[in-house]
Amino acid sequence: MTIIKEKITKIRNLMVERNLDGVLLRKRRSFSWLTDGKSNYIMTNTELGVADLLIFEDKVYCVTTKMEFARIQEEELTDLECEWITPEWYEGQNGAISALCQGKMIGMDVSTETIPHTVGINLSKELAELTYVLNVEEIDRYRWLSRRVAQALESTCRRIEPGMTEFEIQAFLAMNVASLGIQIQVLLVATDHRIYQYRHPIPTDKKLGCYAMLVLCGEKWGLVASATRFVHFGALPEELQENKRKLAEIDLVFNLATRPGVPIKEVFRQGIEAYRQWGHAEDWRYLHQGGPTGYASREFLANLDSVGIVQLHQAFAWNPSLKGLKSEDTLLVTEHGLEFLTHSGEWEYIQIEKNGLTYFRPDILIR
């Protein structure tokens, strides 16, 4: 059975469990997951695509306009057996979907209000959960993507110079990933005092003095890899020198707690306790701490009430922070322990010994 057929079977099993006649997939993430890494987007600033997949017990439909049909058929859905429904561009897809779903109970990955005259339920959470455990092919693609995201960040940190604006740094980083076919979901740049003032700083025309933070969430094949890197020109101030080590220790607690079978809220609790142990009991409140990732930059933001457990072959991206600092990498839970997917091996690292093992967490690059 092909990967696509296996995933369709998972959806049909969900249909049986929820007593549904069909499932409608409209989100970009859903399309990429089901089609094994293909794309249905035109605009990158919306979670919806231009080709919808409607799965019934005996048939799969792809509903897209005549304007999009040729490219979607020839470049995206060559491996999916489906029946095509192609309304005119000025008609849109909703009418065709409503006609196909008439008299049926449909599960959707979007609000049911988006398809008038259709009876259904919102299965966004349940459908997202089907994507959490990655298969071998997805893991291989994720490794490729994560390494390139890390390398793009790190090479940019090595090449930028004082006097460049944050916009110029943004453009340099964007060029590095766009040339690889990686879409940008999040790109943050802050320099000097803005790093201390704002936890989510979008780029501005401020010029780099001596300290820069670069943050990137890059998407390809529907998967999203996230990482953060810092560069400092000249010797570090004493506070940064001290806090970078504390943050690496806090970061490692989050990551080492991310083991198969552990409740996600327990991982979060251990991370919060690490903040307290290192003398920064309240700092976790100033920025979310991350959580599960994969087909979203974060599937949800973990907290003390989070539902669910860590699963084998699930990806996470924790991002603890102290004032002026953040640690962020994408990791995979494997049979042999954690694999930091965004570890390039080409950066400066803080080495931490735990239980006889040495862990490498990203340091601040000094230039």
Protein backbone atom coordinates (compact mmCIF):
# COMPACT_ATOMS: atom_id res chain seq x y z
CA MET A 1 0.00 0.00 0.00
CA THR A 2 1.38 3.41 -0.95
CA ILE A 3 1.88 6.16 1.64
CA ILE A 4 -1.01 8.15 0.18
CA LYS A 5 -3.35 5.15 0.34
CA GLU A 6 -2.28 4.52 3.94
CA LYS A 7 -3.20 8.07 4.85
CA ILE A 8 -6.54 7.85 3.06
CA THR A 9 -7.21 4.68 5.07
CA LYS A 10 -6.51 6.60 8.29
CA ILE A 11 -9.07 9.21 7.26
CA ARG A 12 -11.63 6.56 6.37
CA ASN A 13 -11.08 4.91 9.74
CA LEU A 14 -11.77 8.28 11.35
CA MET A 15 -14.95 8.52 9.27
CA VAL A 16 -16.12 5.19 10.69
CA GLU A 17 -15.27 6.23 14.26
CA ARG A 18 -17.21 9.49 13.93
CA ASN A 19 -20.05 8.05 11.82
CA LEU A 20 -19.32 10.35 8.89
CA ASP A 21 -20.01 10.02 5.18
CA GLY A 22 -16.92 11.94 4.12
CA VAL A 23 -14.05 14.23 5.08
CA LEU A 24 -13.20 17.53 3.41
CA LEU A 25 -9.60 18.80 3.45
CA ARG A 26 -9.14 22.47 2.58
CA LYS A 27 -6.04 23.48 4.54
CA ARG A 28 -2.61 23.63 2.94
CA ARG A 29 -1.17 21.46 5.72
CA SER A 30 -3.82 18.77 5.18
CA PHE A 31 -3.20 18.68 1.43
CA SER A 32 0.59 18.40 1.88
CA TRP A 33 0.25 15.65 4.49
CA LEU A 34 -2.18 13.51 2.49
CA THR A 35 -0.37 13.91 -0.84
CA ASP A 36 3.04 13.13 0.66
CA GLY A 37 4.52 16.61 0.43
CA LYS A 38 2.70 18.25 -2.48
CA SER A 39 1.33 21.80 -2.45
CA ASN A 40 -2.01 23.42 -3.19
CA TYR A 41 -1.24 27.04 -2.37
CA ILE A 42 -1.01 30.22 -4.39
CA MET A 43 -1.04 32.71 -1.52
CA THR A 44 1.30 31.93 1.34
CA ASN A 45 -0.42 34.14 3.91
CA THR A 46 -3.52 31.97 4.23
CA GLU A 47 -3.91 28.45 5.63
CA LEU A 48 -6.30 27.50 2.81
CA GLY A 49 -5.26 26.23 -0.61
CA VAL A 50 -6.82 26.39 -4.06
CA ALA A 51 -7.52 22.65 -4.41
CA ASP A 52 -9.81 20.83 -1.97
CA LEU A 53 -9.82 17.07 -1.37
CA LEU A 54 -13.10 15.37 -0.55
CA ILE A 55 -12.81 11.78 0.64
CA PHE A 56 -15.71 9.35 0.64
CA GLU A 57 -15.77 5.64 1.39
CA ASP A 58 -15.34 4.66 -2.26
CA LYS A 59 -13.94 7.74 -3.99
CA VAL A 60 -11.70 10.80 -3.66
CA TYR A 61 -12.59 14.06 -5.36
CA CYS A 62 -10.32 17.00 -6.05
CA VAL A 63 -12.27 20.23 -6.41
CA THR A 64 -10.34 23.09 -7.99
CA THR A 65 -11.15 25.72 -10.58
CA LYS A 66 -10.42 25.32 -14.26
CA MET A 67 -7.85 28.07 -13.82
CA GLU A 68 -5.79 25.89 -11.42
CA PHE A 69 -6.66 22.43 -12.76
CA ALA A 70 -3.81 21.80 -15.21
CA ARG A 71 -0.98 22.64 -12.85
CA ILE A 72 -2.48 20.82 -9.87
CA GLN A 73 -3.13 17.71 -12.00
CA GLU A 74 0.24 17.67 -13.77
CA GLU A 75 2.58 18.81 -10.99
CA GLU A 76 0.92 17.96 -7.68
CA LEU A 77 -1.53 15.06 -7.88
CA THR A 78 0.20 12.63 -10.24
CA ASP A 79 0.18 9.95 -7.50
CA LEU A 80 -3.40 10.35 -6.30
CA GLU A 81 -6.31 8.54 -7.92
CA CYS A 82 -9.16 11.01 -7.83
CA GLU A 83 -12.11 12.36 -9.76
CA TRP A 84 -11.82 16.00 -10.79
CA ILE A 85 -14.48 18.63 -10.30
CA THR A 86 -13.50 21.89 -11.98
CA PRO A 87 -15.88 24.87 -11.71
CA GLU A 88 -15.07 28.18 -13.36
CA TRP A 89 -12.80 30.54 -11.42
CA TYR A 90 -15.66 33.01 -10.95
CA GLU A 91 -17.86 30.27 -9.47
CA GLY A 92 -15.39 29.14 -6.84
CA GLN A 93 -15.35 25.73 -5.20
CA ASN A 94 -18.05 26.06 -2.54
CA GLY A 95 -21.01 25.34 -4.80
CA ALA A 96 -19.45 22.19 -6.23
CA ILE A 97 -18.50 20.96 -2.76
CA SER A 98 -22.02 21.62 -1.44
CA ALA A 99 -23.50 19.60 -4.31
CA LEU A 100 -21.16 16.66 -3.65
CA CYS A 101 -21.97 16.72 0.07
CA GLN A 102 -25.74 17.11 -0.21
CA GLY A 103 -27.55 14.84 2.24
CA LYS A 104 -24.26 13.68 3.83
CA MET A 105 -22.54 14.27 7.15
CA ILE A 106 -19.06 15.66 6.49
CA GLY A 107 -16.03 16.14 8.71
CA MET A 108 -13.87 19.15 7.83
CA ASP A 109 -10.49 20.63 8.70
CA VAL A 110 -12.11 24.10 8.68
CA SER A 111 -15.14 25.72 10.22
CA THR A 112 -18.35 24.22 8.86
CA GLU A 113 -19.57 27.76 8.15
CA THR A 114 -17.12 28.02 5.25
CA ILE A 115 -19.27 25.67 3.12
CA PRO A 116 -22.88 26.91 3.05
CA HIS A 117 -25.70 24.36 2.88
CA THR A 118 -23.41 21.53 4.01
CA VAL A 119 -23.97 19.54 7.19
CA GLY A 120 -20.75 18.76 8.96
CA ILE A 121 -18.47 18.95 11.99
CA ASN A 122 -15.11 20.62 12.48
CA LEU A 123 -12.44 17.92 12.81
CA SER A 124 -9.41 20.23 12.73
CA LYS A 125 -7.95 18.82 15.94
CA GLU A 126 -8.51 15.17 15.08
CA LEU A 127 -7.15 15.57 11.54
CA ALA A 128 -4.08 17.43 12.80
CA GLU A 129 -3.40 14.60 15.26
CA LEU A 130 -3.19 12.16 12.35
CA THR A 131 -0.11 14.09 11.16
CA TYR A 132 1.83 14.08 14.45
CA VAL A 133 3.73 10.81 13.95
CA LEU A 134 6.03 11.13 10.95
CA ASN A 135 6.86 8.31 8.54
CA VAL A 136 10.31 7.50 7.18
CA GLU A 137 9.95 9.65 4.06
CA GLU A 138 8.65 12.61 6.06
CA ILE A 139 11.55 12.31 8.49
CA ASP A 140 14.07 12.30 5.65
CA ARG A 141 12.50 15.44 4.17
CA TYR A 142 12.36 17.06 7.59
CA ARG A 143 16.07 16.42 8.13
CA TRP A 144 16.88 18.07 4.80
CA LEU A 145 14.67 21.08 5.53
CA SER A 146 15.84 21.56 9.12
CA ARG A 147 19.51 21.45 8.22
CA ARG A 148 19.00 24.08 5.48
CA VAL A 149 17.05 26.33 7.82
CA ALA A 150 19.89 26.14 10.36
CA GLN A 151 22.55 26.70 7.71
CA ALA A 152 20.70 29.70 6.30
CA LEU A 153 20.50 31.30 9.74
CA GLU A 154 24.10 30.53 10.57
CA SER A 155 25.58 31.64 7.26
CA THR A 156 23.64 34.89 7.51
CA CYS A 157 25.01 35.47 11.01
CA ARG A 158 28.53 34.99 9.66
CA ARG A 159 28.11 37.44 6.79
CA ILE A 160 26.14 40.37 8.18
CA GLU A 161 28.03 43.44 9.36
CA PRO A 162 27.39 46.32 11.76
CA GLY A 163 25.57 49.13 10.01
CA MET A 164 23.20 46.83 8.11
CA THR A 165 19.53 47.47 8.80
CA GLU A 166 17.27 44.74 10.10
CA PHE A 167 15.46 44.89 6.76
CA GLU A 168 18.74 44.19 4.95
CA ILE A 169 19.46 41.26 7.26
CA GLN A 170 15.93 39.98 6.61
CA ALA A 171 16.45 40.20 2.85
CA PHE A 172 19.76 38.35 3.05
CA LEU A 173 18.24 35.51 5.09
CA ALA A 174 15.15 35.33 2.88
CA MET A 175 17.30 35.00 -0.24
CA ASN A 176 19.23 32.12 1.34
CA VAL A 177 16.09 30.05 1.90
CA ALA A 178 14.03 31.13 -1.12
CA SER A 179 16.76 29.82 -3.44
CA LEU A 180 16.09 26.36 -1.95
CA GLY A 181 12.33 26.48 -2.46
CA ILE A 182 11.71 27.04 1.25
CA GLN A 183 8.73 29.21 2.11
CA ILE A 184 9.00 31.59 5.05
CA GLN A 185 6.34 31.29 7.73
CA VAL A 186 8.13 33.41 10.33
CA LEU A 187 11.21 35.61 9.93
CA LEU A 188 12.19 37.83 12.86
CA VAL A 189 15.22 40.07 13.14
CA ALA A 190 16.16 42.29 16.08
CA THR A 191 19.34 44.11 16.92
CA ASP A 192 20.80 45.49 20.12
CA HIS A 193 18.22 46.98 22.52
CA ARG A 194 15.24 45.62 20.51
CA ILE A 195 16.27 42.07 21.49
CA TYR A 196 15.78 43.00 25.14
CA GLN A 197 12.58 44.97 24.61
CA TYR A 198 10.55 42.58 22.46
CA ARG A 199 10.16 38.79 22.42
CA HIS A 200 8.65 38.77 18.90
CA PRO A 201 10.44 41.59 17.04
CA ILE A 202 9.64 41.97 13.35
CA PRO A 203 12.42 43.64 11.31
CA THR A 204 12.70 47.42 11.11
CA ASP A 205 15.07 49.93 9.56
CA LYS A 206 17.19 50.00 12.74
CA LYS A 207 20.88 49.47 12.03
CA LEU A 208 22.90 46.71 13.65
CA GLY A 209 25.30 47.89 16.31
CA CYS A 210 26.85 44.83 17.95
CA TYR A 211 24.14 42.22 18.72
CA ALA A 212 21.63 40.48 16.43
CA MET A 213 18.93 37.83 16.80
CA LEU A 214 17.65 35.92 13.76
CA VAL A 215 14.57 33.68 13.91
CA LEU A 216 13.28 31.52 11.07
CA CYS A 217 10.38 29.12 10.57
CA GLY A 218 10.81 27.63 7.09
CA GLU A 219 8.27 25.46 5.25
CA LYS A 220 8.75 22.89 2.50
CA TRP A 221 6.61 19.83 1.65
CA GLY A 222 4.17 21.16 4.27
CA LEU A 223 6.70 20.59 7.08
CA VAL A 224 7.98 23.49 9.16
CA ALA A 225 11.43 23.75 10.76
CA SER A 226 12.14 26.43 13.38
CA ALA A 227 15.39 27.77 14.83
CA THR A 228 16.96 30.89 16.37
CA ARG A 229 20.57 32.08 16.28
CA PHE A 230 22.49 35.04 17.77
CA VAL A 231 25.64 36.87 16.74
CA HIS A 232 27.59 39.44 18.77
CA PHE A 233 30.37 41.71 17.56
CA GLY A 234 32.97 42.02 20.32
CA ALA A 235 33.11 40.60 23.83
CA LEU A 236 29.83 39.69 25.51
CA PRO A 237 28.53 41.77 28.43
CA GLU A 238 28.78 39.91 31.74
CA GLU A 239 25.01 39.43 32.03
CA LEU A 240 24.78 37.76 28.60
CA GLN A 241 27.80 35.62 29.38
CA GLU A 242 26.11 34.34 32.53
CA ASN A 243 22.57 34.00 31.21
CA LYS A 244 23.42 32.12 28.02
CA ARG A 245 24.65 29.20 30.13
CA LYS A 246 21.55 29.31 32.33
CA LEU A 247 19.30 29.32 29.28
CA ALA A 248 21.13 26.38 27.72
CA GLU A 249 20.50 24.42 30.92
CA ILE A 250 16.81 25.36 30.94
CA ASP A 251 16.52 24.51 27.25
CA LEU A 252 18.06 21.10 27.81
CA VAL A 253 15.55 20.29 30.56
CA PHE A 254 12.66 20.91 28.15
CA ASN A 255 14.28 18.80 25.46
CA LEU A 256 15.43 15.87 27.61
CA ALA A 257 11.97 15.65 29.18
CA THR A 258 10.49 15.16 25.69
CA ARG A 259 10.38 11.36 25.74
CA PRO A 260 7.82 8.89 24.37
CA GLY A 261 4.86 8.47 26.69
CA VAL A 262 5.53 11.58 28.79
CA PRO A 263 2.53 13.93 29.04
CA ILE A 264 3.28 17.18 27.24
CA LYS A 265 2.09 19.14 30.27
CA GLU A 266 4.72 17.29 32.34
CA VAL A 267 7.47 18.33 29.90
CA PHE A 268 6.24 21.89 30.32
CA ARG A 269 6.16 21.57 34.11
CA GLN A 270 9.76 20.35 34.22
CA GLY A 271 10.82 23.25 32.02
CA ILE A 272 9.11 25.76 34.28
CA GLU A 273 10.80 24.19 37.31
CA ALA A 274 14.15 24.63 35.54
CA TYR A 275 13.49 28.36 35.21
CA ARG A 276 12.96 28.49 38.99
CA GLN A 277 16.09 26.46 39.75
CA TRP A 278 18.23 28.82 37.68
CA GLY A 279 16.90 31.93 39.39
CA HIS A 280 14.39 33.14 36.77
CA ALA A 281 11.10 31.77 38.08
CA GLU A 282 8.87 34.24 36.19
CA ASP A 283 10.64 34.53 32.83
CA TRP A 284 8.63 31.75 31.19
CA ARG A 285 5.61 34.04 31.35
CA TYR A 286 7.09 36.56 28.88
CA LEU A 287 7.17 34.26 25.83
CA HIS A 288 5.41 31.04 24.95
CA GLN A 289 7.70 28.02 25.35
CA GLY A 290 6.87 26.21 22.11
CA GLY A 291 5.46 22.73 21.73
CA PRO A 292 4.75 20.06 19.11
CA THR A 293 5.62 20.92 15.51
CA GLY A 294 5.62 19.19 12.13
CA TYR A 295 2.99 20.38 9.67
CA ALA A 296 2.70 23.67 11.61
CA SER A 297 5.25 25.94 13.22
CA ARG A 298 3.55 24.87 16.45
CA GLU A 299 0.62 22.46 16.56
CA PHE A 300 -0.32 24.16 19.81
CA LEU A 301 1.49 26.13 22.49
CA ALA A 302 2.24 23.81 25.38
CA ASN A 303 1.16 24.78 28.89
CA LEU A 304 0.35 23.19 32.24
CA ASP A 305 -3.07 22.09 30.97
CA SER A 306 -1.98 20.61 27.64
CA VAL A 307 -3.63 17.36 26.60
CA GLY A 308 -1.63 14.58 24.94
CA ILE A 309 1.60 12.66 25.33
CA VAL A 310 4.91 12.75 23.50
CA GLN A 311 4.91 10.17 20.69
CA LEU A 312 7.72 8.32 18.97
CA HIS A 313 8.65 10.03 15.67
CA GLN A 314 6.91 13.23 16.70
CA ALA A 315 8.66 16.60 16.28
CA PHE A 316 8.90 19.39 18.85
CA ALA A 317 10.31 22.90 18.95
CA TRP A 318 10.81 24.35 22.43
CA ASN A 319 11.91 27.98 22.72
CA PRO A 320 12.67 29.03 26.31
CA SER A 321 14.00 32.56 26.73
CA LEU A 322 15.61 34.95 29.15
CA LYS A 323 15.79 38.69 28.65
CA GLY A 324 17.91 39.29 25.55
CA LEU A 325 18.18 35.56 24.75
CA LYS A 326 16.20 32.68 23.26
CA SER A 327 17.08 29.06 22.51
CA GLU A 328 15.17 27.33 19.70
CA ASP A 329 15.73 24.21 17.64
CA THR A 330 13.52 21.60 15.99
CA LEU A 331 13.92 18.09 17.37
CA LEU A 332 12.65 14.61 16.59
CA VAL A 333 11.78 11.97 19.18
CA THR A 334 13.47 8.72 18.08
CA GLU A 335 14.06 5.20 19.38
CA HIS A 336 17.60 6.23 20.28
CA GLY A 337 16.73 9.49 22.02
CA LEU A 338 16.47 13.05 20.77
CA GLU A 339 17.66 14.13 17.36
CA PHE A 340 18.15 17.88 17.01
CA LEU A 341 17.14 18.30 13.37
CA THR A 342 18.37 21.90 13.17
CA HIS A 343 21.82 21.00 14.55
CA SER A 344 24.18 21.74 11.66
CA GLY A 345 27.38 20.82 13.50
CA GLU A 346 28.91 23.97 11.99
CA TRP A 347 28.07 26.48 14.74
CA GLU A 348 29.46 27.52 18.09
CA TYR A 349 28.00 25.37 20.86
CA ILE A 350 27.68 25.25 24.62
CA GLN A 351 28.52 21.73 25.82
CA ILE A 352 26.54 20.32 28.73
CA GLU A 353 27.18 16.97 30.43
CA LYS A 354 24.10 15.04 31.56
CA ASN A 355 24.00 11.40 32.68
CA GLY A 356 27.30 10.63 31.01
CA LEU A 357 26.32 12.19 27.68
CA THR A 358 27.41 15.46 26.09
CA TYR A 359 24.79 17.73 24.57
CA PHE A 360 25.50 20.63 22.25
CA ARG A 361 23.24 23.67 22.47
CA PRO A 362 23.69 26.74 20.22
CA ASP A 363 25.96 29.44 21.60
CA ILE A 364 26.16 33.12 20.65
CA LEU A 365 28.54 33.54 17.73
CA ILE A 366 31.28 36.06 18.61
CA ARG A 367 32.74 38.02 15.70
